[in-house]
Amino acid sequence: MSLKLANGASCLVNINCDLGEGLDNDAELMPYLHSCNIAGGGHAGDAQSVSSTVSLAIANNVRIGAHPSFPDRQNFGRAKMSISAGDLFDSLVAQIELVRDECLKQGVQLNHVKAHGALYNLMCEDTELQKTVEDAICCVDSDLPIYAPLLFKSTRLKVVREGFADRGYQEDGRLLHRGKEGALITDAAQALSQSRLLSNIDTLCVHGDNPSALEVVKSLSQRLVKYLSYGDDHYLIQWPQKIHPDILWAVLAAKEALRIEFPDAKLVHAYCSLLVQHRDLDKIKQVIEASEIIEVVGKIHHVEVDYAVAELAAAVELSADDVISLHSAPEYLIYFLGFLPGFPYLGGLNPRLHLPRLAQPKQNIDAGSVAIGGQQTGIYPQQSPGGWHVIGHTDFELLPTPFAAGDRIKFIAR
């Protein structure tokens, strides 16, 4: 079976990484990821590392998978191991359960399982080995999906098709052996180029032990985009769906470059997307590809707030003082303005304050209300229906809006 490629196609997939393996870059990588695979003691990791990595993933809104392997720390799970099916089954179950139990302890669900190293590759060739892997996953939870190569087929598990940004492929679609030239891709531009060619995948892996892992995930987040047709003369450009400053810089760079190239075109951006009113898709792609991505240094707005947080404090099980302290501590980045004129969508809310939107929206939320919805916080510039949790009020002048994407807001408790 050949690896299926698409000439110049762009794919929009979630980015995953193998973490909790004893390296020191987990915290740097996590903000760019959509999912992670946490070592559960087979090739690396222990109860302490699993606990800290799960906490880090939760703080960054990253889905968590278990990353079991042959129980072979000496070879980091990258060599075929002579082991009975029964012993391997017991080890895999224990590794998966270690990660699952820590997830449950910290209030989240395990999202998937991904085998590591030699086990990942060999289960595509050895039916008995595949059965052992599937038996172990089903023993823990038969509804857990497995992240696996395109070559992997299963009638028992949901398969999330995985490609690799930083690993070389053979013609038959298998990965190059790590000892061969080209097996590991450390150049971010080359990893991006390969990622653009991969098709029919659902998730894209970057290895945490790649010496260029941070540069690779940043490049993928900023440059790996998808183009969707919206009618006869509109295109929606989508970046990987992650709220992150580096993605915002890429969106704003693309927007500014297109504004210069097409001064009459309508351009509207959100967290990870840009709507462009123009017919020439090839030219849009050229402009975006050539855009220079730089950090936007905008204004800092100091917004005084009369906090009233009793209801939210009870919901998140914190004291009122703690809620106010946590909410007013960051300097929030403005990603975009919407759903009302001048409503700032802000990134940087402390995870301890994340709270789902109201099940029943309120009919009237007053102008100047500071509120929380999900992982976001913002300010209502005018009276409006809304489903966010109001936590205070400001007299800051909001209309006409003084805010722009790339500006920052610092809330000050009165």
Protein backbone atom coordinates (compact mmCIF):
# COMPACT_ATOMS: atom_id res chain seq x y z
CA MET A 1 0.00 0.00 0.00
CA SER A 2 1.46 3.36 -1.01
CA LEU A 3 1.38 6.48 1.09
CA LYS A 4 -1.29 8.66 -0.41
CA LEU A 5 -0.10 12.15 -1.25
CA ALA A 6 -1.90 15.17 -2.61
CA ASN A 7 0.05 17.57 -4.79
CA GLY A 8 0.24 20.85 -2.94
CA ALA A 9 -2.87 20.13 -0.89
CA SER A 10 -3.25 21.71 2.52
CA CYS A 11 -4.64 19.69 5.39
CA LEU A 12 -6.20 20.99 8.55
CA VAL A 13 -5.58 18.44 11.26
CA ASN A 14 -4.94 18.40 14.95
CA ILE A 15 -1.30 18.44 16.00
CA ASN A 16 -0.21 15.85 18.56
CA CYS A 17 3.01 15.12 20.37
CA ASP A 18 4.45 12.33 22.53
CA LEU A 19 5.12 13.83 25.96
CA GLY A 20 5.86 12.86 29.55
CA GLU A 21 9.02 11.10 28.39
CA GLY A 22 11.47 12.83 30.70
CA LEU A 23 12.38 15.73 28.44
CA ASP A 24 12.32 19.39 29.46
CA ASN A 25 10.26 20.85 26.60
CA ASP A 26 6.74 19.64 27.43
CA ALA A 27 5.61 23.03 28.74
CA GLU A 28 6.97 24.80 25.65
CA LEU A 29 5.24 22.44 23.21
CA MET A 30 1.89 22.03 24.94
CA PRO A 31 0.34 25.42 23.99
CA TYR A 32 0.62 24.52 20.29
CA LEU A 33 -0.96 21.07 20.58
CA HIS A 34 -4.49 19.77 20.15
CA SER A 35 -3.73 16.38 21.68
CA CYS A 36 -0.84 14.67 23.43
CA ASN A 37 0.24 11.11 24.11
CA ILE A 38 1.55 10.57 27.63
CA ALA A 39 4.06 7.81 28.41
CA GLY A 40 2.72 5.44 31.05
CA GLY A 41 5.85 3.67 32.26
CA GLY A 42 6.65 1.23 29.46
CA HIS A 43 9.43 3.10 27.68
CA ALA A 44 9.39 6.18 29.93
CA GLY A 45 7.33 7.89 32.59
CA ASP A 46 5.95 7.10 36.02
CA ALA A 47 3.06 8.14 38.24
CA GLN A 48 4.63 11.52 39.02
CA SER A 49 5.40 12.41 35.39
CA VAL A 50 1.93 11.28 34.28
CA SER A 51 0.31 13.48 36.93
CA SER A 52 2.30 16.59 36.02
CA THR A 53 1.83 16.08 32.26
CA VAL A 54 -1.94 15.58 32.63
CA SER A 55 -2.10 18.82 34.65
CA LEU A 56 -0.14 20.64 31.97
CA ALA A 57 -2.43 19.31 29.23
CA ILE A 58 -5.56 20.39 31.11
CA ALA A 59 -4.14 23.88 31.62
CA ASN A 60 -3.59 24.16 27.85
CA ASN A 61 -6.90 22.58 26.80
CA VAL A 62 -5.11 19.66 25.15
CA ARG A 63 -6.80 16.27 24.72
CA ILE A 64 -4.97 13.46 26.50
CA GLY A 65 -4.02 10.04 25.19
CA ALA A 66 -2.16 7.11 26.72
CA HIS A 67 1.13 6.18 25.02
CA PRO A 68 1.90 2.54 25.88
CA SER A 69 4.84 0.59 24.52
CA PHE A 70 6.83 -2.56 24.92
CA PRO A 71 7.99 -2.52 28.56
CA ASP A 72 11.56 -1.77 27.53
CA ARG A 73 13.14 1.32 29.03
CA GLN A 74 16.63 0.23 27.98
CA ASN A 75 15.76 0.67 24.29
CA PHE A 76 13.14 3.38 24.85
CA GLY A 77 10.55 1.03 23.37
CA ARG A 78 12.10 1.32 19.92
CA ALA A 79 13.23 -2.29 19.53
CA LYS A 80 11.17 -5.41 18.96
CA MET A 81 10.86 -7.25 22.25
CA SER A 82 10.51 -10.93 22.92
CA ILE A 83 7.57 -11.11 25.31
CA SER A 84 4.53 -13.33 25.68
CA ALA A 85 1.15 -12.05 24.57
CA GLY A 86 -0.13 -12.37 28.13
CA ASP A 87 2.71 -10.39 29.67
CA LEU A 88 2.46 -7.70 27.00
CA PHE A 89 -1.30 -7.46 27.51
CA ASP A 90 -0.87 -6.99 31.26
CA SER A 91 1.77 -4.32 30.74
CA LEU A 92 -0.26 -2.39 28.17
CA VAL A 93 -3.37 -2.43 30.34
CA ALA A 94 -1.36 -1.14 33.32
CA GLN A 95 0.20 1.65 31.23
CA ILE A 96 -3.14 2.78 29.80
CA GLU A 97 -4.84 2.61 33.18
CA LEU A 98 -2.11 4.71 34.79
CA VAL A 99 -2.86 7.59 32.42
CA ARG A 100 -6.63 7.02 32.47
CA ASP A 101 -6.83 6.97 36.26
CA GLU A 102 -4.82 10.19 36.54
CA CYS A 103 -7.14 11.84 34.00
CA LEU A 104 -10.18 10.82 36.04
CA LYS A 105 -8.48 12.03 39.22
CA GLN A 106 -8.02 15.45 37.64
CA GLY A 107 -11.54 15.59 36.23
CA VAL A 108 -11.08 14.80 32.52
CA GLN A 109 -11.60 11.81 30.26
CA LEU A 110 -8.89 9.87 28.48
CA ASN A 111 -9.30 10.74 24.78
CA HIS A 112 -7.35 8.03 22.93
CA VAL A 113 -4.51 5.53 22.91
CA LYS A 114 -1.42 5.63 20.71
CA ALA A 115 1.17 2.87 20.74
CA HIS A 116 4.82 3.89 20.92
CA GLY A 117 7.92 3.03 18.93
CA ALA A 118 8.38 -0.53 17.73
CA LEU A 119 4.93 -1.51 18.96
CA TYR A 120 3.36 1.22 16.81
CA ASN A 121 5.06 -0.04 13.68
CA LEU A 122 4.90 -3.78 14.26
CA MET A 123 1.20 -3.90 15.08
CA CYS A 124 0.57 -3.00 11.41
CA GLU A 125 2.38 -6.16 10.28
CA ASP A 126 1.76 -8.73 13.02
CA THR A 127 -1.89 -9.74 13.44
CA GLU A 128 -1.27 -11.37 16.82
CA LEU A 129 0.48 -8.26 18.10
CA GLN A 130 -2.37 -6.11 16.81
CA LYS A 131 -4.85 -8.36 18.63
CA THR A 132 -2.93 -7.95 21.89
CA VAL A 133 -2.93 -4.16 21.52
CA GLU A 134 -6.64 -4.11 20.72
CA ASP A 135 -7.43 -6.51 23.57
CA ALA A 136 -5.61 -4.22 26.01
CA ILE A 137 -7.43 -1.11 24.83
CA CYS A 138 -10.81 -2.85 24.88
CA CYS A 139 -10.10 -4.16 28.37
CA VAL A 140 -9.74 -0.57 29.59
CA ASP A 141 -12.43 1.03 27.38
CA SER A 142 -13.58 -0.32 24.03
CA ASP A 143 -14.76 3.16 23.03
CA LEU A 144 -11.24 4.60 23.12
CA PRO A 145 -9.98 5.48 19.62
CA ILE A 146 -6.48 4.49 18.57
CA TYR A 147 -4.07 6.86 16.82
CA ALA A 148 -2.47 4.69 14.14
CA PRO A 149 -0.83 4.81 10.69
CA LEU A 150 -2.82 4.81 7.47
CA LEU A 151 -1.72 1.21 7.00
CA PHE A 152 -3.49 0.11 10.19
CA LYS A 153 -6.97 -1.36 9.87
CA SER A 154 -9.27 -2.41 12.70
CA THR A 155 -12.79 -3.78 12.97
CA ARG A 156 -12.85 -3.33 16.75
CA LEU A 157 -11.60 0.20 17.36
CA LYS A 158 -12.16 3.63 15.91
CA VAL A 159 -8.95 4.52 14.07
CA VAL A 160 -7.69 8.11 14.03
CA ARG A 161 -5.39 8.24 11.01
CA GLU A 162 -2.00 9.69 11.86
CA GLY A 163 0.76 11.20 9.76
CA PHE A 164 4.20 12.41 10.82
CA ALA A 165 5.60 15.85 10.16
CA ASP A 166 9.11 14.98 11.31
CA ARG A 167 9.65 11.43 10.11
CA GLY A 168 10.68 10.20 6.65
CA TYR A 169 8.49 7.73 4.77
CA GLN A 170 9.26 4.78 2.53
CA GLU A 171 7.47 4.34 -0.78
CA ASP A 172 5.15 1.72 0.74
CA GLY A 173 3.89 4.19 3.33
CA ARG A 174 5.93 2.82 6.22
CA LEU A 175 8.26 5.00 8.24
CA LEU A 176 11.95 4.92 7.48
CA HIS A 177 13.93 3.07 10.12
CA ARG A 178 15.43 5.58 12.55
CA GLY A 179 18.94 4.46 11.66
CA LYS A 180 18.55 5.46 8.01
CA GLU A 181 19.32 8.81 6.44
CA GLY A 182 16.25 11.05 6.28
CA ALA A 183 14.37 9.15 8.98
CA LEU A 184 14.19 12.18 11.27
CA ILE A 185 13.29 15.60 9.88
CA THR A 186 14.68 18.43 11.98
CA ASP A 187 14.26 21.28 9.50
CA ALA A 188 10.98 23.09 10.18
CA ALA A 189 10.50 24.10 6.53
CA GLN A 190 10.96 20.51 5.38
CA ALA A 191 8.52 19.26 8.04
CA LEU A 192 5.96 21.81 6.88
CA SER A 193 6.44 20.78 3.25
CA GLN A 194 5.92 17.11 4.08
CA SER A 195 2.84 17.91 6.17
CA ARG A 196 1.26 19.71 3.25
CA LEU A 197 1.63 16.62 1.10
CA LEU A 198 0.09 14.17 3.55
CA SER A 199 -3.58 13.50 2.86
CA ASN A 200 -6.36 11.42 4.40
CA ILE A 201 -4.99 11.96 7.90
CA ASP A 202 -6.80 13.15 11.00
CA THR A 203 -3.86 14.03 13.22
CA LEU A 204 -0.26 15.09 12.63
CA CYS A 205 2.50 14.04 15.01
CA VAL A 206 5.68 15.85 15.98
CA HIS A 207 8.04 13.95 18.27
CA GLY A 208 8.86 15.66 21.54
CA ASP A 209 12.44 14.37 21.40
CA ASN A 210 13.05 16.00 18.03
CA PRO A 211 15.71 18.68 18.72
CA SER A 212 13.67 21.07 16.53
CA ALA A 213 10.25 20.10 17.94
CA LEU A 214 9.36 23.62 19.08
CA GLU A 215 10.31 25.21 15.76
CA VAL A 216 8.35 22.53 13.89
CA VAL A 217 5.10 22.86 15.84
CA LYS A 218 5.29 26.65 15.63
CA SER A 219 5.80 26.50 11.86
CA LEU A 220 2.90 24.07 11.45
CA SER A 221 0.62 26.28 13.54
CA GLN A 222 1.46 29.39 11.54
CA ARG A 223 1.74 28.03 8.01
CA LEU A 224 -0.40 24.90 7.73
CA VAL A 225 -3.68 26.34 6.45
CA LYS A 226 -6.78 25.15 4.60
CA TYR A 227 -8.76 27.08 1.99
CA LEU A 228 -12.55 26.67 1.87
CA SER A 229 -14.76 28.16 -0.83
CA TYR A 230 -17.56 30.36 0.52
CA GLY A 231 -19.73 31.22 -2.46
CA ASP A 232 -18.53 32.64 -5.76
CA ASP A 233 -16.08 35.21 -4.45
CA HIS A 234 -15.25 34.37 -0.82
CA TYR A 235 -12.69 32.04 0.71
CA LEU A 236 -12.30 31.06 4.34
CA ILE A 237 -8.68 30.46 5.31
CA GLN A 238 -8.34 28.25 8.39
CA TRP A 239 -5.29 27.74 10.57
CA PRO A 240 -4.98 24.87 13.09
CA GLN A 241 -7.79 25.39 15.58
CA LYS A 242 -5.87 26.55 18.61
CA ILE A 243 -6.06 29.87 20.47
CA HIS A 244 -2.42 30.95 20.54
CA PRO A 245 -0.62 34.27 19.98
CA ASP A 246 1.64 32.83 17.28
CA ILE A 247 -1.40 31.79 15.26
CA LEU A 248 -2.90 35.25 15.70
CA TRP A 249 0.32 36.82 14.37
CA ALA A 250 0.04 34.58 11.30
CA VAL A 251 -3.62 35.51 10.78
CA LEU A 252 -2.93 39.23 11.15
CA ALA A 253 0.12 39.01 8.86
CA ALA A 254 -2.00 37.32 6.18
CA LYS A 255 -4.76 39.89 6.64
CA GLU A 256 -2.38 42.84 6.29
CA ALA A 257 -0.64 41.35 3.25
CA LEU A 258 -3.99 40.72 1.56
CA ARG A 259 -5.19 44.24 2.46
CA ILE A 260 -2.20 45.68 0.65
CA GLU A 261 -2.59 43.36 -2.35
CA PHE A 262 -6.39 43.70 -2.58
CA PRO A 263 -7.27 47.09 -1.04
CA ASP A 264 -10.98 46.77 -1.89
CA ALA A 265 -11.44 43.24 -0.57
CA LYS A 266 -13.46 42.54 2.57
CA LEU A 267 -11.30 40.84 5.22
CA VAL A 268 -12.71 39.51 8.50
CA HIS A 269 -10.68 37.42 10.94
CA ALA A 270 -11.37 35.39 14.08
CA TYR A 271 -9.12 33.32 16.38
CA CYS A 272 -7.79 30.96 13.71
CA SER A 273 -9.46 31.98 10.47
CA LEU A 274 -9.73 34.74 7.89
CA LEU A 275 -12.60 35.38 5.49
CA VAL A 276 -11.43 36.92 2.21
CA GLN A 277 -13.65 38.45 -0.44
CA HIS A 278 -11.74 37.74 -3.64
CA ARG A 279 -11.98 35.31 -6.56
CA ASP A 280 -8.30 34.58 -7.26
CA LEU A 281 -7.45 31.71 -4.91
CA ASP A 282 -3.99 31.15 -6.40
CA LYS A 283 -3.08 34.77 -5.74
CA ILE A 284 -4.50 34.56 -2.19
CA LYS A 285 -2.28 31.55 -1.53
CA GLN A 286 0.78 33.31 -2.93
CA VAL A 287 0.22 36.39 -0.78
CA ILE A 288 -0.34 34.39 2.41
CA GLU A 289 2.67 32.16 1.78
CA ALA A 290 4.90 35.21 1.31
CA SER A 291 3.52 37.14 4.30
CA GLU A 292 6.05 38.05 6.97
CA ILE A 293 4.86 36.91 10.39
CA ILE A 294 5.83 39.24 13.22
CA GLU A 295 4.46 39.83 16.70
CA VAL A 296 1.98 42.71 16.85
CA VAL A 297 2.74 45.13 19.65
CA GLY A 298 -0.49 47.04 20.22
CA LYS A 299 -1.78 49.37 22.88
CA ILE A 300 -2.35 48.39 26.51
CA HIS A 301 -5.77 49.39 27.87
CA HIS A 302 -6.26 49.57 31.64
CA VAL A 303 -9.89 48.75 32.42
CA GLU A 304 -11.19 49.30 35.96
CA VAL A 305 -13.80 46.78 37.07
CA ASP A 306 -16.31 46.63 39.91
CA TYR A 307 -16.26 42.88 40.45
CA ALA A 308 -19.30 40.88 41.61
CA VAL A 309 -18.21 37.25 41.46
CA ALA A 310 -20.15 35.38 44.14
CA GLU A 311 -22.09 33.25 41.64
CA LEU A 312 -19.07 32.34 39.54
CA ALA A 313 -16.91 31.73 42.62
CA ALA A 314 -19.40 29.14 43.84
CA ALA A 315 -19.48 27.47 40.42
CA VAL A 316 -15.68 27.13 40.17
CA GLU A 317 -15.28 26.39 43.89
CA LEU A 318 -13.00 29.30 44.67
CA SER A 319 -13.26 32.25 47.02
CA ALA A 320 -14.40 35.59 45.62
CA ASP A 321 -10.96 37.06 46.34
CA ASP A 322 -9.29 34.22 44.44
CA VAL A 323 -11.55 34.71 41.41
CA ILE A 324 -10.85 38.44 41.32
CA SER A 325 -7.12 37.86 41.74
CA LEU A 326 -7.01 35.22 38.99
CA HIS A 327 -9.10 37.26 36.57
CA SER A 328 -7.26 40.54 37.07
CA ALA A 329 -3.74 39.04 37.05
CA PRO A 330 -3.13 38.47 33.28
CA GLU A 331 -2.56 40.98 30.55
CA TYR A 332 -5.14 39.71 28.04
CA LEU A 333 -4.46 39.66 24.32
CA ILE A 334 -7.29 40.86 22.04
CA TYR A 335 -7.68 38.28 19.27
CA PHE A 336 -10.60 39.86 17.40
CA LEU A 337 -13.74 41.95 17.75
CA GLY A 338 -17.25 40.47 17.28
CA PHE A 339 -20.30 39.42 17.91
CA LEU A 340 -21.30 42.96 18.90
CA PRO A 341 -19.47 46.00 17.49
CA GLY A 342 -16.34 46.37 19.61
CA PHE A 343 -16.79 43.20 21.70
CA PRO A 344 -13.20 42.05 22.47
CA TYR A 345 -12.50 38.32 22.50
CA LEU A 346 -9.60 37.91 24.90
CA GLY A 347 -7.06 35.12 25.26
CA GLY A 348 -5.27 34.28 28.48
CA LEU A 349 -8.03 33.39 30.94
CA ASN A 350 -6.75 31.23 33.79
CA PRO A 351 -8.01 27.61 33.34
CA ARG A 352 -9.35 27.63 36.89
CA LEU A 353 -11.92 30.19 35.74
CA HIS A 354 -13.08 28.29 32.66
CA LEU A 355 -16.83 27.75 32.88
CA PRO A 356 -19.30 26.63 30.17
CA ARG A 357 -21.69 29.23 28.88
CA LEU A 358 -25.10 29.53 30.49
CA ALA A 359 -27.53 26.79 29.51
CA GLN A 360 -30.20 29.48 29.13
CA PRO A 361 -28.88 32.82 27.81
CA LYS A 362 -30.00 35.99 29.57
CA GLN A 363 -32.24 38.39 27.71
CA ASN A 364 -30.36 41.51 28.72
CA ILE A 365 -26.76 41.93 29.78
CA ASP A 366 -25.84 45.53 30.54
CA ALA A 367 -23.32 47.52 28.56
CA GLY A 368 -19.94 47.46 30.29
CA SER A 369 -20.45 43.96 31.70
CA VAL A 370 -17.26 41.95 32.06
CA ALA A 371 -18.02 38.28 31.53
CA ILE A 372 -16.65 34.76 31.14
CA GLY A 373 -17.80 32.19 28.57
CA GLY A 374 -15.99 28.88 28.34
CA GLN A 375 -12.27 29.61 28.05
CA GLN A 376 -12.84 33.24 27.10
CA THR A 377 -13.43 36.55 28.78
CA GLY A 378 -14.67 39.78 27.25
CA ILE A 379 -16.64 43.01 27.70
CA TYR A 380 -20.15 43.75 26.45
CA PRO A 381 -19.92 47.20 24.78
CA GLN A 382 -23.71 47.58 24.66
CA GLN A 383 -26.80 45.98 26.15
CA SER A 384 -27.40 42.62 24.58
CA PRO A 385 -28.72 39.11 25.11
CA GLY A 386 -25.88 36.82 26.09
CA GLY A 387 -24.88 33.47 27.50
CA TRP A 388 -21.72 34.46 29.35
CA HIS A 389 -21.32 34.68 33.14
CA VAL A 390 -21.20 38.33 34.22
CA ILE A 391 -18.50 38.89 36.84
CA GLY A 392 -18.35 42.67 37.02
CA HIS A 393 -18.94 46.02 35.38
CA THR A 394 -16.73 48.74 33.94
CA ASP A 395 -17.34 52.40 33.08
CA PHE A 396 -14.54 52.28 30.53
CA GLU A 397 -15.56 54.07 27.30
CA LEU A 398 -16.35 51.27 24.85
CA LEU A 399 -18.08 52.99 21.91
CA PRO A 400 -16.59 53.84 19.55
CA THR A 401 -14.26 50.99 20.36
CA PRO A 402 -10.68 51.86 21.33
CA PHE A 403 -9.68 48.21 20.87
CA ALA A 404 -7.90 46.43 18.02
CA ALA A 405 -6.59 42.92 17.49
CA GLY A 406 -3.13 42.71 18.97
CA ASP A 407 -3.91 45.20 21.72
CA ARG A 408 -3.91 44.06 25.35
CA ILE A 409 -6.30 44.64 28.22
CA LYS A 410 -5.35 44.75 31.86
CA PHE A 411 -8.28 44.57 34.28
CA ILE A 412 -7.92 46.51 37.52
CA ALA A 413 -10.16 45.68 40.48
CA ARG A 414 -11.81 48.68 42.12
